[in-house]
N, C-alpha and C. Protein backbone atom coordinates (compact mmCIF):
# COMPACT_ATOMS: atom_id res chain seq x y z
N UNK A 1 84.85 114.57 107.10
CA UNK A 1 83.92 113.66 106.40
C UNK A 1 82.94 114.56 105.55
N UNK A 2 82.50 113.96 104.48
CA UNK A 2 81.54 114.70 103.64
C UNK A 2 80.29 113.82 103.36
N UNK A 3 79.15 114.48 103.35
CA UNK A 3 77.95 113.81 102.96
C UNK A 3 77.59 114.24 101.54
N UNK A 4 77.46 113.27 100.69
CA UNK A 4 77.02 113.56 99.31
C UNK A 4 75.51 113.10 99.13
N UNK A 5 74.81 114.07 98.60
CA UNK A 5 73.37 113.88 98.35
C UNK A 5 73.19 114.00 96.79
N UNK A 6 72.72 113.00 96.19
CA UNK A 6 72.57 113.02 94.71
C UNK A 6 71.13 112.61 94.30
N UNK A 7 70.54 113.28 93.40
CA UNK A 7 69.27 112.93 92.79
C UNK A 7 69.61 112.45 91.41
N UNK A 8 69.12 111.17 91.06
CA UNK A 8 69.49 110.59 89.78
C UNK A 8 68.30 109.92 89.20
N UNK A 9 68.41 109.58 87.89
CA UNK A 9 67.28 108.83 87.30
C UNK A 9 67.31 107.32 87.88
N UNK A 10 66.16 106.80 88.09
CA UNK A 10 66.07 105.50 88.71
C UNK A 10 66.86 104.36 87.97
N UNK A 11 66.86 104.36 86.71
CA UNK A 11 67.44 103.27 85.96
C UNK A 11 69.03 103.38 86.01
N UNK A 12 69.55 104.41 86.57
CA UNK A 12 71.01 104.56 86.70
C UNK A 12 71.53 104.06 87.98
N UNK A 13 70.72 103.56 88.90
CA UNK A 13 71.11 103.15 90.19
C UNK A 13 72.18 102.13 90.25
N UNK A 14 71.99 101.04 89.54
CA UNK A 14 72.93 99.96 89.51
C UNK A 14 74.34 100.36 89.04
N UNK A 15 74.38 101.16 88.06
CA UNK A 15 75.70 101.70 87.49
C UNK A 15 76.38 102.51 88.55
N UNK A 16 75.61 103.40 89.15
CA UNK A 16 76.24 104.33 90.12
C UNK A 16 76.68 103.53 91.38
N UNK A 17 75.89 102.54 91.84
CA UNK A 17 76.26 101.79 93.03
C UNK A 17 77.55 101.04 92.72
N UNK A 18 77.70 100.41 91.48
CA UNK A 18 78.88 99.68 91.15
C UNK A 18 80.05 100.59 91.13
N UNK A 19 79.98 101.82 90.56
CA UNK A 19 81.10 102.75 90.48
C UNK A 19 81.51 103.17 91.88
N UNK A 20 80.55 103.35 92.83
CA UNK A 20 80.93 103.76 94.20
C UNK A 20 81.51 102.63 94.91
N UNK A 21 81.00 101.42 94.76
CA UNK A 21 81.57 100.27 95.35
C UNK A 21 83.06 100.03 94.91
N UNK A 22 83.37 100.33 93.66
CA UNK A 22 84.66 100.25 93.13
C UNK A 22 85.56 101.22 93.76
N UNK A 23 85.15 102.28 94.33
CA UNK A 23 85.96 103.26 95.08
C UNK A 23 86.08 102.88 96.54
N UNK A 24 85.39 101.90 96.95
CA UNK A 24 85.57 101.49 98.35
C UNK A 24 84.46 102.07 99.25
N UNK A 25 83.39 102.70 98.62
CA UNK A 25 82.31 103.18 99.47
C UNK A 25 81.53 102.00 100.08
N UNK A 26 81.37 102.00 101.36
CA UNK A 26 80.79 100.86 102.01
C UNK A 26 79.34 100.93 102.37
N UNK A 27 78.78 102.06 102.22
CA UNK A 27 77.33 102.14 102.51
C UNK A 27 76.70 103.27 101.74
N UNK A 28 75.34 103.15 101.49
CA UNK A 28 74.55 104.08 100.67
C UNK A 28 73.15 103.92 101.05
N UNK A 29 72.42 105.09 101.15
CA UNK A 29 71.08 105.12 101.41
C UNK A 29 70.32 105.60 100.20
N UNK A 30 69.21 104.94 99.79
CA UNK A 30 68.47 105.28 98.58
C UNK A 30 67.03 105.51 98.99
N UNK A 31 66.47 106.63 98.50
CA UNK A 31 65.09 106.90 98.75
C UNK A 31 64.40 107.32 97.39
N UNK A 32 63.12 106.80 97.23
CA UNK A 32 62.38 107.21 96.02
C UNK A 32 61.83 108.54 96.29
N UNK A 33 62.12 109.48 95.33
CA UNK A 33 61.56 110.86 95.45
C UNK A 33 60.89 111.32 94.09
N UNK A 34 60.27 112.39 94.15
CA UNK A 34 59.72 113.07 92.99
C UNK A 34 60.10 114.48 93.08
N UNK A 35 60.36 115.07 91.89
CA UNK A 35 60.77 116.53 91.88
C UNK A 35 60.63 117.05 90.50
N UNK A 36 60.96 118.39 90.48
CA UNK A 36 61.08 119.03 89.16
C UNK A 36 62.11 120.09 89.17
N UNK A 37 62.65 120.42 88.06
CA UNK A 37 63.71 121.39 87.83
C UNK A 37 63.66 121.87 86.36
N UNK A 38 64.74 121.88 85.73
CA UNK A 38 64.80 122.35 84.30
C UNK A 38 63.89 121.44 83.43
N UNK A 39 63.75 120.18 83.88
CA UNK A 39 63.00 119.23 83.05
C UNK A 39 61.48 119.58 83.09
N UNK A 40 61.06 120.12 84.22
CA UNK A 40 59.70 120.73 84.42
C UNK A 40 58.54 119.80 84.00
N UNK A 41 58.76 118.48 84.15
CA UNK A 41 57.63 117.56 83.92
C UNK A 41 57.41 117.40 82.42
N UNK A 42 56.30 116.64 82.10
CA UNK A 42 55.89 116.34 80.71
C UNK A 42 54.39 116.07 80.71
N UNK A 43 53.92 115.90 79.47
CA UNK A 43 52.52 115.62 79.21
C UNK A 43 52.35 114.13 78.83
N UNK A 44 51.40 113.45 79.35
CA UNK A 44 51.17 111.96 79.00
C UNK A 44 49.71 111.87 78.63
N UNK A 45 49.40 110.77 77.87
CA UNK A 45 48.07 110.45 77.52
C UNK A 45 47.71 109.14 78.23
N UNK A 46 46.64 109.05 78.95
CA UNK A 46 46.19 107.89 79.72
C UNK A 46 44.71 107.65 79.37
N UNK A 47 44.38 106.55 78.82
CA UNK A 47 43.00 106.21 78.41
C UNK A 47 42.36 107.31 77.60
N UNK A 48 43.13 107.85 76.76
CA UNK A 48 42.52 108.95 75.93
C UNK A 48 42.51 110.35 76.49
N UNK A 49 42.90 110.49 77.73
CA UNK A 49 42.85 111.81 78.35
C UNK A 49 44.30 112.25 78.55
N UNK A 50 44.56 113.45 78.20
CA UNK A 50 45.89 114.05 78.34
C UNK A 50 45.99 114.72 79.67
N UNK A 51 47.11 114.43 80.36
CA UNK A 51 47.35 115.09 81.63
C UNK A 51 48.79 115.47 81.80
N UNK A 52 49.14 116.45 82.64
CA UNK A 52 50.46 116.91 82.82
C UNK A 52 51.05 116.27 84.00
N UNK A 53 52.28 115.73 83.92
CA UNK A 53 53.10 115.15 84.98
C UNK A 53 54.05 116.18 85.40
N UNK A 54 53.83 116.84 86.63
CA UNK A 54 54.68 117.97 86.98
C UNK A 54 55.84 117.50 87.84
N UNK A 55 55.78 116.36 88.46
CA UNK A 55 56.81 115.90 89.23
C UNK A 55 57.38 114.60 88.61
N UNK A 56 58.65 114.55 88.41
CA UNK A 56 59.34 113.39 87.71
C UNK A 56 59.96 112.50 88.86
N UNK A 57 59.75 111.18 88.72
CA UNK A 57 60.39 110.24 89.67
C UNK A 57 61.88 110.21 89.57
N UNK A 58 62.57 110.23 90.72
CA UNK A 58 64.01 110.23 90.83
C UNK A 58 64.31 109.33 92.08
N UNK A 59 65.69 109.11 92.18
CA UNK A 59 66.13 108.42 93.40
C UNK A 59 67.06 109.40 94.06
N UNK A 60 67.03 109.46 95.42
CA UNK A 60 68.00 110.28 96.18
C UNK A 60 68.92 109.31 96.83
N UNK A 61 70.24 109.54 96.59
CA UNK A 61 71.26 108.78 97.17
C UNK A 61 71.96 109.65 98.29
N UNK A 62 72.19 109.08 99.36
CA UNK A 62 72.95 109.74 100.49
C UNK A 62 74.01 108.84 100.95
N UNK A 63 75.23 109.35 100.98
CA UNK A 63 76.36 108.64 101.45
C UNK A 63 77.37 109.58 102.18
N UNK A 64 78.12 109.09 103.18
CA UNK A 64 79.18 109.80 103.82
C UNK A 64 80.44 109.10 103.50
N UNK A 65 81.45 109.96 103.11
CA UNK A 65 82.81 109.45 102.78
C UNK A 65 83.83 110.31 103.41
N UNK A 66 85.01 109.79 103.59
CA UNK A 66 86.13 110.62 104.13
C UNK A 66 86.29 111.82 103.16
N UNK A 67 86.71 112.97 103.72
CA UNK A 67 86.74 114.22 102.93
C UNK A 67 87.67 114.05 101.65
N UNK A 68 88.72 113.28 101.84
CA UNK A 68 89.66 113.14 100.68
C UNK A 68 89.15 112.18 99.59
N UNK A 69 87.95 111.63 99.84
CA UNK A 69 87.42 110.70 98.83
C UNK A 69 86.16 111.36 98.15
N UNK A 70 85.77 112.52 98.64
CA UNK A 70 84.54 113.13 98.12
C UNK A 70 84.63 113.52 96.64
N UNK A 71 85.72 114.08 96.18
CA UNK A 71 85.85 114.44 94.79
C UNK A 71 85.71 113.20 93.88
N UNK A 72 86.32 112.05 94.24
CA UNK A 72 86.19 110.87 93.51
C UNK A 72 84.85 110.34 93.39
N UNK A 73 84.13 110.40 94.60
CA UNK A 73 82.81 109.88 94.62
C UNK A 73 81.82 110.75 93.79
N UNK A 74 82.08 112.08 93.81
CA UNK A 74 81.24 112.97 93.03
C UNK A 74 81.45 112.71 91.53
N UNK A 75 82.68 112.44 91.12
CA UNK A 75 83.03 112.24 89.79
C UNK A 75 82.41 110.91 89.30
N UNK A 76 82.47 109.84 90.13
CA UNK A 76 81.86 108.63 89.84
C UNK A 76 80.38 108.61 89.67
N UNK A 77 79.73 109.45 90.52
CA UNK A 77 78.19 109.58 90.44
C UNK A 77 77.93 110.37 89.17
N UNK A 78 78.58 111.46 88.98
CA UNK A 78 78.18 112.29 87.80
C UNK A 78 78.52 111.57 86.43
N UNK A 79 79.63 110.79 86.42
CA UNK A 79 80.04 110.14 85.22
C UNK A 79 79.09 109.01 84.90
N UNK A 80 78.59 108.25 85.90
CA UNK A 80 77.76 107.09 85.57
C UNK A 80 76.25 107.46 85.55
N UNK A 81 75.91 108.57 86.19
CA UNK A 81 74.47 108.98 86.16
C UNK A 81 74.09 109.76 84.89
N UNK A 82 75.11 110.26 84.11
CA UNK A 82 74.79 111.02 82.92
C UNK A 82 74.27 110.12 81.89
N UNK A 83 73.29 110.57 81.09
CA UNK A 83 72.61 109.89 80.03
C UNK A 83 72.94 110.63 78.74
N UNK A 84 72.44 110.10 77.66
CA UNK A 84 72.63 110.67 76.30
C UNK A 84 73.72 110.02 75.56
N UNK A 85 73.91 110.39 74.37
CA UNK A 85 74.89 109.76 73.44
C UNK A 85 76.25 110.14 73.90
N UNK A 86 77.19 109.21 74.00
CA UNK A 86 78.54 109.43 74.39
C UNK A 86 78.69 110.11 75.71
N UNK A 87 77.77 109.96 76.63
CA UNK A 87 77.80 110.55 77.96
C UNK A 87 77.69 112.07 77.97
N UNK A 88 77.03 112.65 76.95
CA UNK A 88 76.89 114.08 76.87
C UNK A 88 76.01 114.70 77.94
N UNK A 89 75.06 113.96 78.41
CA UNK A 89 74.16 114.37 79.39
C UNK A 89 72.83 114.99 78.77
N UNK A 90 71.75 114.87 79.55
CA UNK A 90 70.44 115.37 79.13
C UNK A 90 69.86 116.06 80.33
N UNK A 91 68.93 117.00 80.08
CA UNK A 91 68.13 117.62 81.09
C UNK A 91 67.47 116.54 81.93
N UNK A 92 67.56 116.67 83.32
CA UNK A 92 66.86 115.66 84.18
C UNK A 92 67.82 114.59 84.62
N UNK A 93 69.16 114.66 84.27
CA UNK A 93 70.03 113.64 84.74
C UNK A 93 70.30 113.77 86.28
N UNK A 94 70.07 114.89 86.93
CA UNK A 94 70.19 115.00 88.35
C UNK A 94 71.04 116.07 88.88
N UNK A 95 71.23 116.10 90.11
CA UNK A 95 71.99 117.08 90.91
C UNK A 95 72.78 116.29 91.96
N UNK A 96 73.93 116.94 92.35
CA UNK A 96 74.75 116.39 93.38
C UNK A 96 75.04 117.54 94.33
N UNK A 97 74.96 117.24 95.65
CA UNK A 97 75.29 118.26 96.70
C UNK A 97 76.24 117.65 97.68
N UNK A 98 77.20 118.44 98.17
CA UNK A 98 78.27 117.91 99.09
C UNK A 98 78.16 118.83 100.33
N UNK A 99 78.04 118.17 101.48
CA UNK A 99 77.97 118.87 102.77
C UNK A 99 79.03 118.38 103.78
N UNK A 100 79.39 119.20 104.65
CA UNK A 100 80.31 118.80 105.75
C UNK A 100 79.51 117.99 106.77
N UNK A 101 80.19 116.95 107.36
CA UNK A 101 79.65 116.13 108.33
C UNK A 101 80.52 116.29 109.62
N UNK A 102 79.93 116.74 110.70
CA UNK A 102 80.66 117.03 111.90
C UNK A 102 80.94 115.67 112.73
N UNK A 103 79.96 114.69 112.69
CA UNK A 103 80.14 113.52 113.53
C UNK A 103 79.28 112.40 112.93
N UNK A 104 79.83 111.23 113.10
CA UNK A 104 79.14 110.01 112.66
C UNK A 104 79.32 108.97 113.86
N UNK A 105 78.28 108.26 114.10
CA UNK A 105 78.29 107.25 115.21
C UNK A 105 77.65 105.98 114.67
N UNK A 106 78.33 104.83 114.84
CA UNK A 106 77.75 103.57 114.56
C UNK A 106 77.00 103.06 115.77
N UNK A 107 75.71 102.95 115.71
CA UNK A 107 74.87 102.70 116.84
C UNK A 107 75.26 101.34 117.57
N UNK A 108 75.43 100.30 116.76
CA UNK A 108 75.74 98.98 117.35
C UNK A 108 77.02 98.95 118.18
N UNK A 109 78.06 99.65 117.76
CA UNK A 109 79.39 99.58 118.41
C UNK A 109 79.83 100.80 119.17
N UNK A 110 79.18 101.91 118.86
CA UNK A 110 79.58 103.15 119.45
C UNK A 110 80.81 103.79 118.78
N UNK A 111 81.30 103.11 117.63
CA UNK A 111 82.39 103.73 116.89
C UNK A 111 81.97 105.02 116.38
N UNK A 112 82.98 105.95 116.32
CA UNK A 112 82.64 107.33 115.82
C UNK A 112 83.50 107.68 114.57
N UNK A 113 82.96 108.66 113.87
CA UNK A 113 83.61 109.37 112.72
C UNK A 113 84.04 108.33 111.69
N UNK A 114 85.30 108.35 111.27
CA UNK A 114 85.73 107.46 110.13
C UNK A 114 85.52 106.02 110.45
N UNK A 115 85.73 105.61 111.71
CA UNK A 115 85.55 104.24 112.13
C UNK A 115 84.11 103.82 112.04
N UNK A 116 83.18 104.77 112.04
CA UNK A 116 81.72 104.49 111.97
C UNK A 116 81.33 104.20 110.54
N UNK A 117 82.12 104.70 109.61
CA UNK A 117 81.70 104.52 108.19
C UNK A 117 81.87 103.18 107.74
């Protein structure tokens, strides 16, 4: 099993969820986060005062999939989370990380590993 952690722009959530559901992904956790990277924030003006926004709002997606489905899930996320003209992508579109999962347990039934997904 693989855990996929992705940071994406918030307005891309529905597209990404639909793409993953189309692959048969049955569950997904979403957390509102703030961060910075190459995008490095930006400057805004509020009530006439200029201030710097150093952390940009993002969503963190976490999902666990069978190992043989991980590449498809990563492709689905990266393809649908990408912004810009013709899907070229822009700075701040996000990051995806893939980790090994040793064990999964469904609390309600006690099912383990793939059956727990």
